Protein backbone atom coordinates (compact mmCIF):
# COMPACT_ATOMS: atom_id res chain seq x y z
CA MET A 1 -17.88 7.74 -13.19
CA LEU A 2 -19.45 10.88 -11.27
CA ALA A 3 -21.04 13.56 -12.99
CA ARG A 4 -20.09 16.36 -13.15
CA ASP A 5 -22.62 17.05 -10.58
CA ASP A 6 -21.89 15.19 -8.21
CA GLN A 7 -18.54 15.87 -8.46
CA ASP A 8 -19.14 19.06 -7.33
CA SER A 9 -21.14 18.48 -4.26
CA LEU A 10 -17.75 16.50 -2.87
CA LYS A 11 -16.27 18.16 0.07
CA ARG A 12 -12.33 19.29 -0.11
CA THR A 13 -10.36 19.98 2.20
CA PRO A 14 -7.39 22.58 2.23
CA LEU A 15 -4.19 19.45 0.94
CA HIS A 16 -7.22 19.45 -2.42
CA GLY A 17 -5.10 21.74 -4.52
CA LEU A 18 -1.96 20.00 -2.93
CA HIS A 19 -2.95 16.87 -3.77
CA LEU A 20 -4.47 17.81 -7.51
CA SER A 21 -0.25 19.23 -7.72
CA LEU A 22 0.45 16.13 -7.36
CA GLY A 23 -1.32 14.03 -9.34
CA GLY A 24 -3.27 12.40 -6.65
CA LYS A 25 -5.51 10.23 -8.08
CA MET A 26 -9.57 11.52 -6.71
CA VAL A 27 -12.11 9.72 -5.64
CA PRO A 28 -15.86 10.18 -3.97
CA PHE A 29 -14.41 9.42 0.43
CA ALA A 30 -16.99 9.70 3.48
CA GLY A 31 -18.32 12.54 1.27
CA TYR A 32 -14.82 14.18 0.09
CA ASP A 33 -13.11 14.25 -2.75
CA MET A 34 -9.62 12.65 -1.88
CA PRO A 35 -6.24 11.07 -3.16
CA VAL A 36 -6.22 6.83 -3.33
CA GLN A 37 -3.02 6.82 -4.26
CA TYR A 38 -0.88 8.63 -6.41
CA PRO A 39 1.79 8.98 -9.76
CA ALA A 40 3.84 6.43 -7.75
CA GLY A 41 0.90 3.77 -7.15
CA VAL A 42 -0.67 1.72 -3.80
CA LEU A 43 2.18 -0.40 -3.45
CA LYS A 44 5.23 1.68 -3.64
CA GLU A 45 3.08 3.81 -1.14
CA HIS A 46 2.32 1.86 1.15
CA LEU A 47 6.08 -0.03 1.97
CA GLN A 48 6.99 3.56 1.15
CA THR A 49 5.64 3.45 5.03
CA ARG A 50 6.40 0.95 6.30
CA SER A 51 10.61 1.49 5.25
CA SER A 52 11.14 5.24 5.07
CA ALA A 53 8.32 7.72 6.28
CA GLY A 54 4.44 8.94 4.22
CA LEU A 55 2.91 11.96 4.38
CA PHE A 56 -1.38 11.32 4.57
CA ASP A 57 -4.79 13.80 4.28
CA VAL A 58 -6.95 12.80 7.05
CA SER A 59 -8.54 17.17 6.89
CA HIS A 60 -12.21 14.11 6.20
CA MET A 61 -12.52 13.35 10.01
CA GLY A 62 -13.74 15.95 12.86
CA GLN A 63 -11.89 18.35 15.71
CA ILE A 64 -13.99 18.56 17.94
CA ALA A 65 -13.46 20.10 21.83
CA LEU A 66 -15.00 19.04 24.94
CA ARG A 67 -14.94 22.50 26.83
CA PRO A 68 -16.33 21.35 30.42
CA LYS A 69 -19.04 24.64 31.44
CA SER A 70 -17.07 23.78 34.84
CA GLY A 71 -13.85 25.00 34.12
CA LYS A 72 -12.68 20.81 35.22
CA VAL A 73 -11.59 18.88 32.94
CA GLU A 74 -12.42 15.51 35.02
CA ASP A 75 -15.93 16.71 34.88
CA ALA A 76 -15.48 16.05 31.17
CA ALA A 77 -14.28 12.94 31.36
CA ARG A 78 -17.08 11.72 33.37
CA ALA A 79 -19.97 13.13 31.27
CA LEU A 80 -18.46 12.04 28.38
CA GLU A 81 -18.73 8.26 30.22
CA ARG A 82 -22.32 8.82 29.56
CA LEU A 83 -21.86 7.88 26.17
CA VAL A 84 -18.49 5.53 26.37
CA PRO A 85 -17.05 2.61 27.83
CA GLN A 86 -14.44 3.53 28.55
CA ASP A 87 -12.09 5.73 30.98
CA ILE A 88 -11.98 9.00 29.92
CA VAL A 89 -11.19 10.46 33.59
CA ALA A 90 -7.78 8.16 34.17
CA ILE A 91 -6.96 9.51 30.81
CA ALA A 92 -4.24 12.20 32.03
CA PRO A 93 -3.58 15.47 30.94
CA GLY A 94 -1.39 14.95 27.67
CA ARG A 95 -2.29 11.37 27.29
CA GLN A 96 -4.80 10.43 24.18
CA ARG A 97 -7.11 6.64 24.29
CA TYR A 98 -9.08 5.76 21.67
CA ALA A 99 -13.40 4.81 22.42
CA GLN A 100 -16.33 3.97 21.32
CA PHE A 101 -19.28 5.49 21.75
CA THR A 102 -21.82 3.39 21.86
CA ASN A 103 -25.90 2.45 21.32
CA GLU A 104 -29.09 1.29 23.35
CA GLY A 105 -28.06 -2.63 21.28
CA GLY A 106 -24.86 -2.19 22.35
CA GLY A 107 -23.46 -1.42 18.56
CA ILE A 108 -20.63 1.13 18.12
CA LEU A 109 -22.02 4.08 16.63
CA ASP A 110 -18.21 5.74 15.88
CA ASP A 111 -15.02 4.83 17.04
CA LEU A 112 -13.06 7.55 17.99
CA MET A 113 -9.91 9.18 19.89
CA VAL A 114 -10.19 11.46 23.05
CA ALA A 115 -7.13 13.25 24.52
CA ASN A 116 -6.76 15.08 27.86
CA PHE A 117 -5.16 19.14 27.27
CA GLY A 118 -5.35 19.55 30.62
CA ASP A 119 -8.40 22.85 30.12
CA HIS A 120 -10.29 19.95 28.02
CA LEU A 121 -11.19 17.32 25.69
CA PHE A 122 -9.97 16.60 22.25
CA LEU A 123 -12.15 14.36 19.66
CA VAL A 124 -11.08 13.14 16.75
CA VAL A 125 -13.38 11.24 14.60
CA ASN A 126 -14.46 9.31 11.50
CA ALA A 127 -15.62 11.86 8.24
CA ALA A 128 -18.51 9.57 8.09
CA CYS A 129 -20.48 9.48 11.04
CA LYS A 130 -19.53 13.35 12.63
CA ASP A 131 -22.00 16.07 11.84
CA ALA A 132 -23.76 13.09 13.93
CA ASP A 133 -21.62 12.16 16.60
CA GLU A 134 -21.61 16.66 16.49
CA ALA A 135 -25.27 16.50 17.53
CA HIS A 136 -25.88 12.83 19.61
CA LEU A 137 -22.69 14.81 21.52
CA ARG A 138 -24.60 17.93 21.81
CA ALA A 139 -28.52 16.41 22.71
CA ASN A 140 -26.68 14.32 25.79
CA LEU A 141 -23.47 16.83 27.27
CA SER A 142 -24.60 20.19 26.45
CA GLY A 143 -25.48 21.03 29.79
CA ASP A 144 -22.03 20.72 31.28
CA CYS A 145 -19.37 21.26 28.35
CA ILE A 146 -19.61 23.21 25.20
CA ILE A 147 -19.14 21.91 22.47
CA ASP A 148 -16.83 23.58 19.58
CA SER A 149 -16.25 21.73 16.71
CA LEU A 150 -13.10 22.70 15.31
CA GLU A 151 -14.36 22.62 11.15
CA ASP A 152 -11.10 25.87 10.98
CA ARG A 153 -8.03 23.33 11.43
CA ALA A 154 -7.21 20.30 8.68
CA LEU A 155 -5.79 17.01 10.15
CA VAL A 156 -2.02 15.56 8.75
CA ALA A 157 -0.61 11.93 9.48
CA LEU A 158 2.99 10.98 9.10
CA GLN A 159 3.93 7.68 9.45
CA GLY A 160 6.86 5.05 9.24
CA PRO A 161 9.73 4.64 11.05
CA LYS A 162 11.62 7.73 9.97
CA ALA A 163 8.36 10.46 10.85
CA GLU A 164 10.48 11.05 13.98
CA SER A 165 13.70 11.67 12.19
CA VAL A 166 11.60 14.30 9.98
CA LEU A 167 8.73 15.71 12.94
CA ALA A 168 12.26 16.57 15.01
CA LYS A 169 13.53 18.61 12.27
CA LEU A 170 10.47 21.16 12.63
CA CYS A 171 9.28 19.63 16.50
CA ALA A 172 11.40 20.51 19.82
CA GLU A 173 9.76 18.26 21.08
CA ALA A 174 8.94 14.46 19.17
CA PRO A 175 11.20 13.20 20.24
CA SER A 176 10.41 13.02 23.26
CA MET A 177 6.85 12.00 23.41
CA LYS A 178 5.73 8.35 23.51
CA PHE A 179 3.30 6.03 22.10
CA MET A 180 -0.63 8.33 22.55
CA ASP A 181 1.41 11.27 24.49
CA ALA A 182 -0.42 14.52 22.63
CA GLY A 183 -0.59 18.03 23.48
CA PRO A 184 -0.30 21.67 21.44
CA HIS A 185 3.22 21.73 20.10
CA LYS A 186 5.11 24.00 17.87
CA VAL A 187 5.30 22.65 14.01
CA ALA A 188 7.42 24.78 11.86
CA GLY A 189 6.10 27.64 13.68
CA LEU A 190 2.46 26.39 13.76
CA ASP A 191 -0.04 26.47 16.06
CA CYS A 192 -0.69 21.87 16.16
CA PHE A 193 -2.46 19.76 18.78
CA VAL A 194 0.73 16.35 18.19
CA SER A 195 -0.51 13.80 18.63
CA ARG A 196 1.94 9.57 18.59
CA SER A 197 -0.38 7.93 17.40
CA GLY A 198 -2.09 5.91 13.97
CA TYR A 199 -3.78 4.55 12.42
CA THR A 200 -1.77 2.15 10.07
CA GLY A 201 0.21 -0.40 12.88
CA GLU A 202 3.35 2.17 12.16
CA ASP A 203 5.47 4.87 14.65
CA GLY A 204 3.99 8.14 13.93
CA PHE A 205 2.16 11.10 14.54
CA GLU A 206 -1.09 12.52 13.80
CA ILE A 207 -0.69 16.64 13.06
CA SER A 208 -3.45 19.58 14.24
CA VAL A 209 -3.09 22.49 12.19
CA PRO A 210 -5.06 25.38 11.66
CA ALA A 211 -6.78 24.80 7.64
CA ALA A 212 -4.71 28.14 6.43
CA ASP A 213 -1.36 25.97 7.25
CA ALA A 214 -2.69 23.21 6.38
CA GLU A 215 -1.04 23.01 2.79
CA ARG A 216 2.24 25.17 3.75
CA LEU A 217 3.30 22.96 6.59
CA ALA A 218 2.12 19.88 4.34
CA LYS A 219 4.79 21.00 1.58
CA THR A 220 7.29 21.62 4.38
CA LEU A 221 7.64 17.45 5.55
CA LEU A 222 7.06 16.93 1.67
CA GLU A 223 10.57 18.32 1.23
CA ASN A 224 11.38 16.36 3.78
CA PRO A 225 12.70 13.45 0.48
CA ASP A 226 12.47 10.56 3.74
CA VAL A 227 8.53 11.54 2.86
CA MET A 228 6.17 10.38 0.38
CA PRO A 229 2.64 11.60 -0.08
CA ILE A 230 -0.32 8.66 0.14
CA GLY A 231 -3.37 8.22 -0.41
CA LEU A 232 -6.29 6.05 1.17
CA GLY A 233 -5.74 3.15 -0.59
CA ALA A 234 -2.00 2.03 1.05
CA ARG A 235 -4.14 3.46 3.90
CA ASP A 236 -6.30 0.82 4.59
CA SER A 237 -3.81 -2.05 3.22
CA LEU A 238 -1.63 -0.04 6.43
CA ARG A 239 -4.33 -0.84 8.35
CA LEU A 240 -5.37 -3.78 7.40
CA GLU A 241 -1.91 -4.95 8.23
CA ALA A 242 -2.44 -4.19 11.37
CA GLY A 243 -4.98 -5.74 12.27
CA LEU A 244 -7.44 -2.58 13.05
CA CYS A 245 -11.37 -1.82 12.54
CA LEU A 246 -12.54 0.52 9.69
CA TYR A 247 -15.95 1.43 10.62
CA GLY A 248 -18.87 0.96 8.53
CA HIS A 249 -17.19 -1.98 7.89
CA ASP A 250 -15.45 -4.65 10.81
CA ILE A 251 -17.81 -2.47 12.94
CA ASP A 252 -21.03 -0.36 12.92
CA THR A 253 -24.14 -0.39 15.33
CA ASP A 254 -24.48 -3.67 15.51
CA THR A 255 -21.73 -4.81 16.74
CA THR A 256 -20.31 -4.79 19.92
CA PRO A 257 -16.69 -3.78 21.31
CA VAL A 258 -16.06 -7.33 22.80
CA GLU A 259 -17.41 -9.30 19.00
CA ALA A 260 -15.23 -6.95 17.42
CA ALA A 261 -12.26 -8.36 19.77
CA LEU A 262 -12.34 -4.83 20.86
CA GLU A 263 -12.11 -5.79 24.70
CA TRP A 264 -8.64 -4.72 25.59
CA SER A 265 -10.75 -0.86 25.13
CA VAL A 266 -12.78 -1.20 27.83
CA GLN A 267 -10.67 -0.72 31.34
CA LYS A 268 -11.72 -2.01 34.31
CA SER A 269 -13.19 0.26 35.58
CA ARG A 270 -15.79 0.79 33.51
CA ARG A 271 -16.34 -3.14 33.81
CA ARG A 272 -18.38 -4.87 36.22
CA GLY A 273 -17.06 -4.32 40.14
CA GLY A 274 -14.87 -1.62 38.54
CA ALA A 275 -15.24 1.83 40.14
CA ARG A 276 -17.72 3.65 37.98
CA ALA A 277 -18.56 0.71 36.32
CA GLY A 278 -21.81 0.71 32.99
CA GLY A 279 -23.86 3.93 32.96
CA PHE A 280 -22.84 4.05 29.31
CA PRO A 281 -25.53 2.98 26.07
CA GLY A 282 -25.95 -0.89 25.42
CA ALA A 283 -23.92 -1.43 29.13
CA GLU A 284 -26.53 -4.73 29.63
CA LYS A 285 -25.66 -5.90 26.86
CA ILE A 286 -21.80 -4.81 26.43
CA LEU A 287 -20.96 -5.75 29.66
CA ALA A 288 -23.02 -9.06 29.52
CA HIS A 289 -20.86 -10.11 25.82
CA PHE A 290 -17.80 -9.57 29.16
CA ASP A 291 -19.31 -11.92 31.37
CA ASN A 292 -20.65 -14.72 29.34
CA GLY A 293 -18.73 -14.37 25.73
CA ALA A 294 -20.30 -13.75 22.64
CA SER A 295 -22.01 -15.56 19.98
CA ARG A 296 -19.68 -14.01 17.19
CA ARG A 297 -16.11 -12.66 16.93
CA ARG A 298 -13.98 -10.96 14.63
CA VAL A 299 -10.52 -12.78 13.78
CA GLY A 300 -7.79 -12.00 10.98
CA LEU A 301 -8.11 -14.12 8.30
CA LEU A 302 -4.68 -15.91 6.34
CA ALA A 303 -5.04 -17.60 2.30
CA GLN A 304 -4.23 -21.03 1.83
CA GLY A 305 -3.15 -19.33 -1.60
CA ARG A 306 -2.51 -16.07 -3.84
CA ALA A 307 -5.94 -15.09 -4.40
CA PRO A 308 -6.89 -12.48 -1.78
CA VAL A 309 -10.87 -12.62 -0.23
CA ARG A 310 -12.93 -9.19 -0.22
CA GLU A 311 -14.93 -7.32 2.21
CA GLY A 312 -18.26 -9.09 1.33
CA ALA A 313 -16.94 -13.03 0.17
CA LEU A 314 -18.91 -15.59 2.08
CA LEU A 315 -17.36 -18.09 4.95
CA PHE A 316 -18.10 -21.73 5.61
CA ALA A 317 -16.62 -24.11 7.52
CA THR A 318 -17.05 -27.00 5.05
CA SER A 319 -14.59 -27.01 1.26
CA ALA A 320 -18.35 -27.96 -0.17
CA GLY A 321 -22.05 -27.58 1.32
CA GLY A 322 -23.78 -26.46 4.34
CA GLU A 323 -24.70 -22.53 5.38
CA PRO A 324 -22.62 -19.23 5.57
CA ILE A 325 -20.87 -19.01 9.21
CA GLY A 326 -19.92 -15.58 8.84
CA LYS A 327 -18.39 -13.18 6.76
CA VAL A 328 -14.93 -10.96 5.83
CA THR A 329 -16.05 -8.20 6.81
CA SER A 330 -12.18 -6.41 5.06
CA GLY A 331 -10.35 -8.50 2.53
CA GLY A 332 -7.29 -7.58 0.04
CA PHE A 333 -3.34 -8.26 -0.83
CA GLY A 334 -1.02 -6.71 2.35
CA PRO A 335 2.19 -5.52 0.65
CA SER A 336 4.46 -6.00 3.33
CA LEU A 337 2.84 -10.06 3.75
CA ASN A 338 3.80 -10.10 -0.01
CA ALA A 339 0.25 -12.17 0.93
CA PRO A 340 -3.80 -11.79 1.21
CA VAL A 341 -4.95 -10.83 4.40
CA ALA A 342 -8.60 -10.20 5.09
CA MET A 343 -10.81 -9.80 8.41
CA GLY A 344 -14.00 -11.34 8.74
CA TYR A 345 -16.77 -11.73 11.66
CA VAL A 346 -16.72 -16.34 12.19
CA PRO A 347 -18.94 -18.46 15.38
CA THR A 348 -16.68 -17.83 18.38
CA ALA A 349 -16.89 -21.52 18.30
CA SER A 350 -14.99 -21.03 15.15
CA SER A 351 -12.75 -18.04 16.60
CA ALA A 352 -9.47 -20.33 17.65
CA LEU A 353 -6.03 -19.47 15.98
CA GLY A 354 -5.61 -21.95 13.41
CA THR A 355 -9.17 -22.76 12.66
CA GLN A 356 -9.89 -23.86 9.05
CA ILE A 357 -12.61 -22.25 7.73
CA PHE A 358 -12.80 -21.72 3.74
CA ALA A 359 -14.34 -18.25 1.85
CA GLU A 360 -16.70 -18.63 -1.28
CA VAL A 361 -15.13 -16.44 -4.06
CA ARG A 362 -16.60 -16.29 -7.59
CA GLY A 363 -18.32 -19.45 -7.00
CA GLN A 364 -15.02 -21.74 -5.34
CA ARG A 365 -14.59 -22.28 -1.69
CA LEU A 366 -10.54 -20.92 -0.88
CA ALA A 367 -8.79 -22.04 2.39
CA LEU A 368 -8.36 -19.33 5.39
CA THR A 369 -6.83 -20.27 8.67
CA VAL A 370 -8.09 -18.23 11.59
CA ALA A 371 -5.15 -15.99 12.59
CA ALA A 372 -3.64 -13.02 14.67
CA MET A 373 -3.35 -10.03 14.70
CA PRO A 374 -2.24 -7.69 13.98
CA PHE A 375 -0.85 -9.58 10.78
CA VAL A 376 2.21 -7.19 11.01
CA LYS A 377 4.13 -6.67 14.20
CA ASN A 378 3.22 -2.92 15.14
CA THR A 379 6.61 -0.53 15.88
CA TYR A 380 5.04 2.13 18.62
CA LYS A 381 7.02 4.11 20.40
CA ARG A 382 5.85 2.84 24.35
């Protein structure tokens, strides 16, 4: 348990008071005092999001605007391409794309979302990395862009099969938005930035709202009987079932996008032979991984028993003896599957679907099978 002084040093999102009033069990996360669950519990919150709609507070994440000094959003996009291996120039106005900041060794400094709002780019970055990300942007892009940290905004995610019908009552444009559409819209009369995205594998929306209006918006959404508040516990089990990486666990500064099985996120224009190939930190190593493959790879793992295999468990090629071949980076029980699920890194030679490997848990070797991800089919509105 944290000492009082430690608890007091934690930051609070604009929805902190609402979390307490809803009975949220608060824990430290990325420097913030955040709800890990509400009285319903992680299992019910997880299944609620899969069957109806769940509301998540993700205000701890960073929101940054990149405003081109030239006034041309393409100039901001070209500048950002100096820091990420994605095709930012091709993001059309009103669209959003997943990207990664990389380092000189090809590792991932952070993963982020980038939206084109017509006259500027809107970035959402991870809470634990947001100060470093902002410094990185200022050090490298200040000549081309004004970097505006939007600390006066909160961020909520409405996720689940009923998210569209819930939000449609408050935002006229919501039903016509497709997966990864993004832009400024009115929600309940408030000036918001809305994207049709999220991190649960479900259809849904992320809504950036002025901090002063966040509680009003959250309460309005929670008045709908189809919506429940959801904590960090269910957020983690949902994204694990969706096969989505958690920064600092499944990807980090020593992991390249190819090792992380994120090749799909690097467009052809930035690969060898593309219109704007390379030119980002670590390009030599990352492009070599595209050419020749990497020696290890992130894979999905399904346990053959009922015991969850947690982060940090060592992986072996055989049921006894031998040296570890890898490690689990995320693992737990998948409520939708009613079975344990995990992700981890193994040698590429052991990454084929159906390969049997073993995880050491409390001195025993448990059998696992390399499995396709996502573990639960996503329901994005394409």
